[in-house]
Amino acid sequence: MTALRLLLPLSLALLGACAQQRSQTVELDADSECPARLQVGQTLTLTLPSNPTTGYRWLVQNPASSVLQSLGPEVYSTPEDAGLVGSSGVSTWRFQARAAGNGQLVLVYQQPWAPEVRPVQSFDCAIRVH
């Protein structure tokens, strides 16, 4: 075989591996270690425990907009087996790494009508996009 016949399949395989890595989703939650490292184009999914029936909500205080782009609003869901009104669930946000650089993703858990009251929880994560 010629060298070209060997290099072409190898090159295609390497390109495919790079494309797959870039599209992988990075998962973050309340126990995640930060900083989170992403590549441009990767999706970041953040999931935090939540119970809006208590009046508390996660509010995005800093969306790291210099490096992340929101892919939609918060999505709240409860576990299917809970079956109880008022039971806790999770809030989920999706972002896409849009530019190389550093940013700070900050969310606070507080009552939206009382912004002067200190949040009961916070999520603060350094985001690095390469």
N, C-alpha and C. Protein backbone atom coordinates (compact mmCIF):
# COMPACT_ATOMS: atom_id res chain seq x y z
N MET A 1 0.83 -1.19 0.00
CA MET A 1 0.00 0.00 0.00
C MET A 1 0.87 1.25 0.00
N THR A 2 0.32 2.26 -0.58
CA THR A 2 1.06 3.51 -0.58
C THR A 2 0.85 4.23 0.74
N ALA A 3 1.74 5.17 1.02
CA ALA A 3 1.66 5.93 2.27
C ALA A 3 0.36 6.71 2.35
N LEU A 4 -0.11 7.21 1.21
CA LEU A 4 -1.36 7.98 1.19
C LEU A 4 -2.54 7.13 1.61
N ARG A 5 -2.57 5.89 1.17
CA ARG A 5 -3.66 4.98 1.55
C ARG A 5 -3.66 4.69 3.05
N LEU A 6 -2.52 4.71 3.67
CA LEU A 6 -2.44 4.47 5.10
C LEU A 6 -2.76 5.74 5.90
N LEU A 7 -2.30 6.88 5.41
CA LEU A 7 -2.50 8.13 6.13
C LEU A 7 -3.95 8.62 6.09
N LEU A 8 -4.64 8.39 5.00
CA LEU A 8 -6.02 8.89 4.88
C LEU A 8 -6.95 8.30 5.95
N PRO A 9 -7.02 6.98 6.14
CA PRO A 9 -7.89 6.46 7.20
C PRO A 9 -7.47 6.91 8.60
N LEU A 10 -6.15 6.99 8.83
CA LEU A 10 -5.66 7.44 10.12
C LEU A 10 -6.06 8.88 10.38
N SER A 11 -5.94 9.73 9.38
CA SER A 11 -6.32 11.14 9.51
C SER A 11 -7.81 11.27 9.79
N LEU A 12 -8.63 10.51 9.10
CA LEU A 12 -10.08 10.57 9.33
C LEU A 12 -10.44 10.09 10.74
N ALA A 13 -9.76 9.08 11.21
CA ALA A 13 -10.02 8.58 12.56
C ALA A 13 -9.65 9.64 13.61
N LEU A 14 -8.52 10.30 13.42
CA LEU A 14 -8.12 11.35 14.36
C LEU A 14 -9.09 12.53 14.33
N LEU A 15 -9.53 12.94 13.16
CA LEU A 15 -10.51 14.02 13.07
C LEU A 15 -11.82 13.63 13.76
N GLY A 16 -12.23 12.41 13.59
CA GLY A 16 -13.45 11.93 14.24
C GLY A 16 -13.34 11.94 15.75
N ALA A 17 -12.17 11.56 16.26
CA ALA A 17 -11.95 11.57 17.71
C ALA A 17 -11.99 12.99 18.25
N CYS A 18 -11.41 13.92 17.53
CA CYS A 18 -11.44 15.32 17.97
C CYS A 18 -12.86 15.86 17.97
N ALA A 19 -13.62 15.55 16.97
CA ALA A 19 -15.00 16.02 16.88
C ALA A 19 -15.83 15.43 18.02
N GLN A 20 -15.62 14.17 18.36
CA GLN A 20 -16.37 13.56 19.45
C GLN A 20 -16.02 14.20 20.78
N GLN A 21 -14.75 14.47 21.02
CA GLN A 21 -14.34 15.06 22.29
C GLN A 21 -14.96 16.44 22.46
N ARG A 22 -14.99 17.22 21.40
CA ARG A 22 -15.52 18.57 21.48
C ARG A 22 -17.01 18.57 21.81
N SER A 23 -17.75 17.55 21.36
CA SER A 23 -19.19 17.55 21.58
C SER A 23 -19.59 16.91 22.91
N GLN A 24 -18.65 16.39 23.67
CA GLN A 24 -18.97 15.78 24.95
C GLN A 24 -19.51 16.83 25.91
N THR A 25 -20.47 16.41 26.73
CA THR A 25 -21.07 17.30 27.71
C THR A 25 -20.30 17.21 29.02
N VAL A 26 -20.02 18.35 29.61
CA VAL A 26 -19.39 18.41 30.92
C VAL A 26 -20.50 18.61 31.95
N GLU A 27 -20.53 17.77 32.97
CA GLU A 27 -21.56 17.82 34.00
C GLU A 27 -21.01 18.50 35.25
N LEU A 28 -21.77 19.44 35.79
CA LEU A 28 -21.43 20.08 37.06
C LEU A 28 -22.60 19.91 38.01
N ASP A 29 -22.30 19.77 39.29
CA ASP A 29 -23.35 19.79 40.31
C ASP A 29 -22.80 20.45 41.56
N ALA A 30 -23.57 20.45 42.63
CA ALA A 30 -23.17 21.14 43.86
C ALA A 30 -21.87 20.61 44.45
N ASP A 31 -21.52 19.37 44.14
CA ASP A 31 -20.31 18.76 44.70
C ASP A 31 -19.11 18.80 43.74
N SER A 32 -19.28 19.42 42.60
CA SER A 32 -18.21 19.44 41.61
C SER A 32 -17.03 20.28 42.07
N GLU A 33 -15.86 19.83 41.65
CA GLU A 33 -14.66 20.60 41.92
C GLU A 33 -14.43 21.56 40.77
N CYS A 34 -14.17 22.78 41.11
CA CYS A 34 -13.90 23.79 40.10
C CYS A 34 -12.44 24.19 40.21
N PRO A 35 -11.82 24.66 39.18
CA PRO A 35 -12.42 25.20 37.96
C PRO A 35 -12.83 24.10 36.97
N ALA A 36 -13.83 24.42 36.18
CA ALA A 36 -14.27 23.53 35.11
C ALA A 36 -13.52 23.93 33.85
N ARG A 37 -12.99 22.93 33.16
CA ARG A 37 -12.25 23.20 31.93
C ARG A 37 -13.05 22.67 30.74
N LEU A 38 -13.24 23.56 29.77
CA LEU A 38 -14.02 23.22 28.58
C LEU A 38 -13.24 23.58 27.33
N GLN A 39 -13.67 23.01 26.22
CA GLN A 39 -13.16 23.41 24.92
C GLN A 39 -14.28 24.19 24.23
N VAL A 40 -13.90 25.11 23.36
CA VAL A 40 -14.90 25.87 22.62
C VAL A 40 -15.83 24.89 21.91
N GLY A 41 -17.13 25.10 22.06
CA GLY A 41 -18.13 24.24 21.44
C GLY A 41 -18.71 23.19 22.38
N GLN A 42 -18.04 22.89 23.48
CA GLN A 42 -18.56 21.89 24.41
C GLN A 42 -19.78 22.41 25.15
N THR A 43 -20.63 21.49 25.57
CA THR A 43 -21.81 21.82 26.35
C THR A 43 -21.53 21.58 27.82
N LEU A 44 -22.01 22.51 28.65
CA LEU A 44 -21.89 22.41 30.10
C LEU A 44 -23.30 22.29 30.66
N THR A 45 -23.55 21.25 31.44
CA THR A 45 -24.84 21.07 32.11
C THR A 45 -24.62 21.20 33.60
N LEU A 46 -25.35 22.14 34.22
CA LEU A 46 -25.27 22.38 35.66
C LEU A 46 -26.57 21.95 36.30
N THR A 47 -26.50 21.09 37.32
CA THR A 47 -27.67 20.59 38.02
C THR A 47 -27.49 20.84 39.51
N LEU A 48 -28.48 21.54 40.10
CA LEU A 48 -28.42 21.86 41.53
C LEU A 48 -29.73 21.47 42.21
N PRO A 49 -29.67 20.99 43.47
CA PRO A 49 -30.89 20.65 44.20
C PRO A 49 -31.74 21.91 44.40
N SER A 50 -33.05 21.74 44.26
CA SER A 50 -33.92 22.90 44.30
C SER A 50 -35.31 22.51 44.80
N ASN A 51 -35.98 23.46 45.44
CA ASN A 51 -37.37 23.25 45.87
C ASN A 51 -38.10 24.59 45.82
N PRO A 52 -38.62 24.97 44.65
CA PRO A 52 -39.28 26.27 44.51
C PRO A 52 -40.53 26.44 45.38
N THR A 53 -41.10 25.35 45.88
CA THR A 53 -42.29 25.50 46.73
C THR A 53 -41.97 26.17 48.06
N THR A 54 -40.69 26.24 48.41
CA THR A 54 -40.28 26.93 49.64
C THR A 54 -40.14 28.43 49.43
N GLY A 55 -40.24 28.87 48.18
CA GLY A 55 -40.05 30.28 47.86
C GLY A 55 -38.64 30.61 47.46
N TYR A 56 -37.74 29.67 47.59
CA TYR A 56 -36.34 29.88 47.20
C TYR A 56 -36.13 29.40 45.77
N ARG A 57 -35.29 30.15 45.04
CA ARG A 57 -34.95 29.80 43.67
C ARG A 57 -33.47 30.04 43.46
N TRP A 58 -32.89 29.30 42.53
CA TRP A 58 -31.53 29.58 42.10
C TRP A 58 -31.59 30.73 41.11
N LEU A 59 -30.81 31.77 41.35
CA LEU A 59 -30.74 32.92 40.46
C LEU A 59 -29.33 33.01 39.91
N VAL A 60 -29.22 33.15 38.60
CA VAL A 60 -27.91 33.29 37.98
C VAL A 60 -27.42 34.71 38.23
N GLN A 61 -26.42 34.83 39.07
CA GLN A 61 -25.88 36.13 39.42
C GLN A 61 -24.80 36.56 38.43
N ASN A 62 -24.01 35.59 37.96
CA ASN A 62 -22.98 35.87 36.96
C ASN A 62 -22.96 34.68 36.00
N PRO A 63 -23.39 34.86 34.74
CA PRO A 63 -23.46 33.74 33.80
C PRO A 63 -22.17 33.44 33.05
N ALA A 64 -21.06 34.06 33.44
CA ALA A 64 -19.78 33.87 32.74
C ALA A 64 -19.96 34.11 31.24
N SER A 65 -20.68 35.18 30.92
CA SER A 65 -21.06 35.43 29.52
C SER A 65 -19.88 35.71 28.60
N SER A 66 -18.71 35.99 29.15
CA SER A 66 -17.55 36.19 28.28
C SER A 66 -17.09 34.88 27.65
N VAL A 67 -17.43 33.74 28.28
CA VAL A 67 -17.00 32.44 27.75
C VAL A 67 -18.14 31.45 27.52
N LEU A 68 -19.30 31.69 28.16
CA LEU A 68 -20.44 30.77 28.03
C LEU A 68 -21.64 31.45 27.40
N GLN A 69 -22.43 30.66 26.67
CA GLN A 69 -23.69 31.12 26.11
C GLN A 69 -24.79 30.22 26.65
N SER A 70 -25.84 30.81 27.19
CA SER A 70 -26.96 30.03 27.72
C SER A 70 -27.68 29.34 26.56
N LEU A 71 -28.07 28.09 26.78
CA LEU A 71 -28.81 27.34 25.77
C LEU A 71 -30.29 27.24 26.14
N GLY A 72 -30.75 28.10 27.04
CA GLY A 72 -32.16 28.11 27.41
C GLY A 72 -32.34 28.41 28.88
N PRO A 73 -33.59 28.52 29.29
CA PRO A 73 -33.87 28.84 30.69
C PRO A 73 -33.66 27.64 31.61
N GLU A 74 -33.71 27.91 32.90
CA GLU A 74 -33.65 26.86 33.92
C GLU A 74 -34.79 25.87 33.68
N VAL A 75 -34.49 24.58 33.88
CA VAL A 75 -35.51 23.54 33.80
C VAL A 75 -35.57 22.86 35.16
N TYR A 76 -36.76 22.90 35.79
CA TYR A 76 -36.94 22.27 37.09
C TYR A 76 -37.62 20.92 36.90
N SER A 77 -37.15 19.90 37.60
CA SER A 77 -37.78 18.58 37.54
C SER A 77 -37.73 17.92 38.91
N THR A 78 -38.72 17.07 39.16
CA THR A 78 -38.76 16.32 40.42
C THR A 78 -38.54 14.85 40.10
N PRO A 79 -38.00 14.11 41.04
CA PRO A 79 -37.84 12.68 40.82
C PRO A 79 -39.21 12.03 40.61
N GLU A 80 -39.28 11.10 39.66
CA GLU A 80 -40.56 10.46 39.34
C GLU A 80 -41.14 9.69 40.52
N ASP A 81 -40.28 9.18 41.39
CA ASP A 81 -40.78 8.37 42.50
C ASP A 81 -41.20 9.20 43.71
N ALA A 82 -41.01 10.51 43.67
CA ALA A 82 -41.36 11.34 44.83
C ALA A 82 -42.86 11.33 45.06
N GLY A 83 -43.63 11.68 44.03
CA GLY A 83 -45.08 11.62 44.12
C GLY A 83 -45.69 12.55 45.14
N LEU A 84 -44.93 13.42 45.75
CA LEU A 84 -45.45 14.32 46.77
C LEU A 84 -45.39 15.76 46.28
N VAL A 85 -46.48 16.48 46.49
CA VAL A 85 -46.48 17.89 46.17
C VAL A 85 -45.54 18.60 47.14
N GLY A 86 -44.70 19.47 46.62
CA GLY A 86 -43.76 20.20 47.47
C GLY A 86 -42.45 19.49 47.72
N SER A 87 -42.27 18.31 47.12
CA SER A 87 -41.00 17.61 47.33
C SER A 87 -39.90 18.30 46.52
N SER A 88 -38.68 18.11 46.97
CA SER A 88 -37.57 18.78 46.30
C SER A 88 -37.22 18.05 45.00
N GLY A 89 -36.54 18.77 44.14
CA GLY A 89 -36.11 18.24 42.86
C GLY A 89 -34.78 18.85 42.49
N VAL A 90 -34.59 19.06 41.19
CA VAL A 90 -33.35 19.64 40.71
C VAL A 90 -33.65 20.70 39.65
N SER A 91 -32.80 21.72 39.63
CA SER A 91 -32.84 22.73 38.59
C SER A 91 -31.63 22.50 37.69
N THR A 92 -31.85 22.61 36.39
CA THR A 92 -30.80 22.33 35.42
C THR A 92 -30.67 23.48 34.43
N TRP A 93 -29.43 23.85 34.14
CA TRP A 93 -29.12 24.87 33.14
C TRP A 93 -28.15 24.26 32.15
N ARG A 94 -28.26 24.70 30.89
CA ARG A 94 -27.32 24.24 29.86
C ARG A 94 -26.64 25.46 29.24
N PHE A 95 -25.33 25.35 29.07
CA PHE A 95 -24.53 26.40 28.47
C PHE A 95 -23.64 25.78 27.41
N GLN A 96 -23.18 26.62 26.50
CA GLN A 96 -22.19 26.18 25.52
C GLN A 96 -20.97 27.09 25.63
N ALA A 97 -19.80 26.47 25.62
CA ALA A 97 -18.56 27.25 25.64
C ALA A 97 -18.43 27.93 24.28
N ARG A 98 -18.45 29.27 24.29
CA ARG A 98 -18.50 29.99 23.02
C ARG A 98 -17.19 30.68 22.66
N ALA A 99 -16.32 30.91 23.64
CA ALA A 99 -15.07 31.60 23.35
C ALA A 99 -14.01 31.20 24.36
N ALA A 100 -12.78 31.20 23.92
CA ALA A 100 -11.67 30.89 24.83
C ALA A 100 -11.50 32.02 25.85
N GLY A 101 -11.15 31.64 27.05
CA GLY A 101 -10.93 32.62 28.11
C GLY A 101 -11.37 32.09 29.46
N ASN A 102 -11.47 32.99 30.42
CA ASN A 102 -11.86 32.64 31.78
C ASN A 102 -13.11 33.40 32.17
N GLY A 103 -13.96 32.75 32.97
CA GLY A 103 -15.17 33.40 33.48
C GLY A 103 -15.54 32.80 34.81
N GLN A 104 -16.50 33.41 35.47
CA GLN A 104 -16.96 32.95 36.78
C GLN A 104 -18.47 32.70 36.68
N LEU A 105 -18.91 31.46 36.88
CA LEU A 105 -20.32 31.11 36.88
C LEU A 105 -20.80 31.12 38.33
N VAL A 106 -21.71 32.05 38.65
CA VAL A 106 -22.16 32.22 40.03
C VAL A 106 -23.69 32.19 40.07
N LEU A 107 -24.24 31.32 40.93
CA LEU A 107 -25.67 31.26 41.19
C LEU A 107 -25.90 31.36 42.68
N VAL A 108 -27.00 31.98 43.08
CA VAL A 108 -27.35 32.09 44.49
C VAL A 108 -28.76 31.54 44.70
N TYR A 109 -28.97 30.94 45.87
CA TYR A 109 -30.26 30.34 46.22
C TYR A 109 -30.93 31.26 47.23
N GLN A 110 -31.93 32.00 46.78
CA GLN A 110 -32.59 32.95 47.66
C GLN A 110 -34.01 33.20 47.18
N GLN A 111 -34.75 33.94 47.98
CA GLN A 111 -36.10 34.32 47.59
C GLN A 111 -35.99 35.52 46.65
N PRO A 112 -36.53 35.41 45.44
CA PRO A 112 -36.35 36.48 44.45
C PRO A 112 -36.87 37.84 44.89
N TRP A 113 -37.88 37.87 45.75
CA TRP A 113 -38.46 39.14 46.19
C TRP A 113 -37.68 39.78 47.34
N ALA A 114 -36.64 39.11 47.82
CA ALA A 114 -35.85 39.65 48.93
C ALA A 114 -34.36 39.64 48.58
N PRO A 115 -33.94 40.39 47.56
CA PRO A 115 -32.54 40.34 47.15
C PRO A 115 -31.57 40.91 48.18
N GLU A 116 -32.09 41.70 49.14
CA GLU A 116 -31.21 42.27 50.17
C GLU A 116 -30.85 41.24 51.25
N VAL A 117 -31.60 40.14 51.32
CA VAL A 117 -31.33 39.08 52.30
C VAL A 117 -30.23 38.17 51.74
N ARG A 118 -29.29 37.83 52.60
CA ARG A 118 -28.17 36.98 52.19
C ARG A 118 -28.68 35.63 51.67
N PRO A 119 -28.15 35.15 50.54
CA PRO A 119 -28.57 33.84 50.01
C PRO A 119 -28.26 32.72 51.01
N VAL A 120 -29.10 31.69 51.01
CA VAL A 120 -28.87 30.55 51.91
C VAL A 120 -27.82 29.59 51.34
N GLN A 121 -27.61 29.64 50.02
CA GLN A 121 -26.58 28.82 49.38
C GLN A 121 -26.05 29.58 48.18
N SER A 122 -24.88 29.18 47.74
CA SER A 122 -24.34 29.75 46.51
C SER A 122 -23.54 28.69 45.77
N PHE A 123 -23.43 28.87 44.47
CA PHE A 123 -22.60 28.01 43.63
C PHE A 123 -21.69 28.95 42.87
N ASP A 124 -20.39 28.79 43.03
CA ASP A 124 -19.41 29.68 42.43
C ASP A 124 -18.33 28.81 41.79
N CYS A 125 -18.21 28.90 40.48
CA CYS A 125 -17.28 28.02 39.77
C CYS A 125 -16.52 28.80 38.71
N ALA A 126 -15.20 28.69 38.76
CA ALA A 126 -14.36 29.28 37.71
C ALA A 126 -14.48 28.40 36.46
N ILE A 127 -14.66 29.06 35.32
CA ILE A 127 -14.80 28.36 34.05
C ILE A 127 -13.62 28.75 33.16
N ARG A 128 -12.92 27.76 32.66
CA ARG A 128 -11.80 28.00 31.75
C ARG A 128 -12.10 27.31 30.42
N VAL A 129 -12.12 28.11 29.36
CA VAL A 129 -12.40 27.57 28.02
C VAL A 129 -11.14 27.71 27.19
N HIS A 130 -10.75 26.60 26.55
CA HIS A 130 -9.54 26.57 25.70
C HIS A 130 -9.95 26.41 24.26
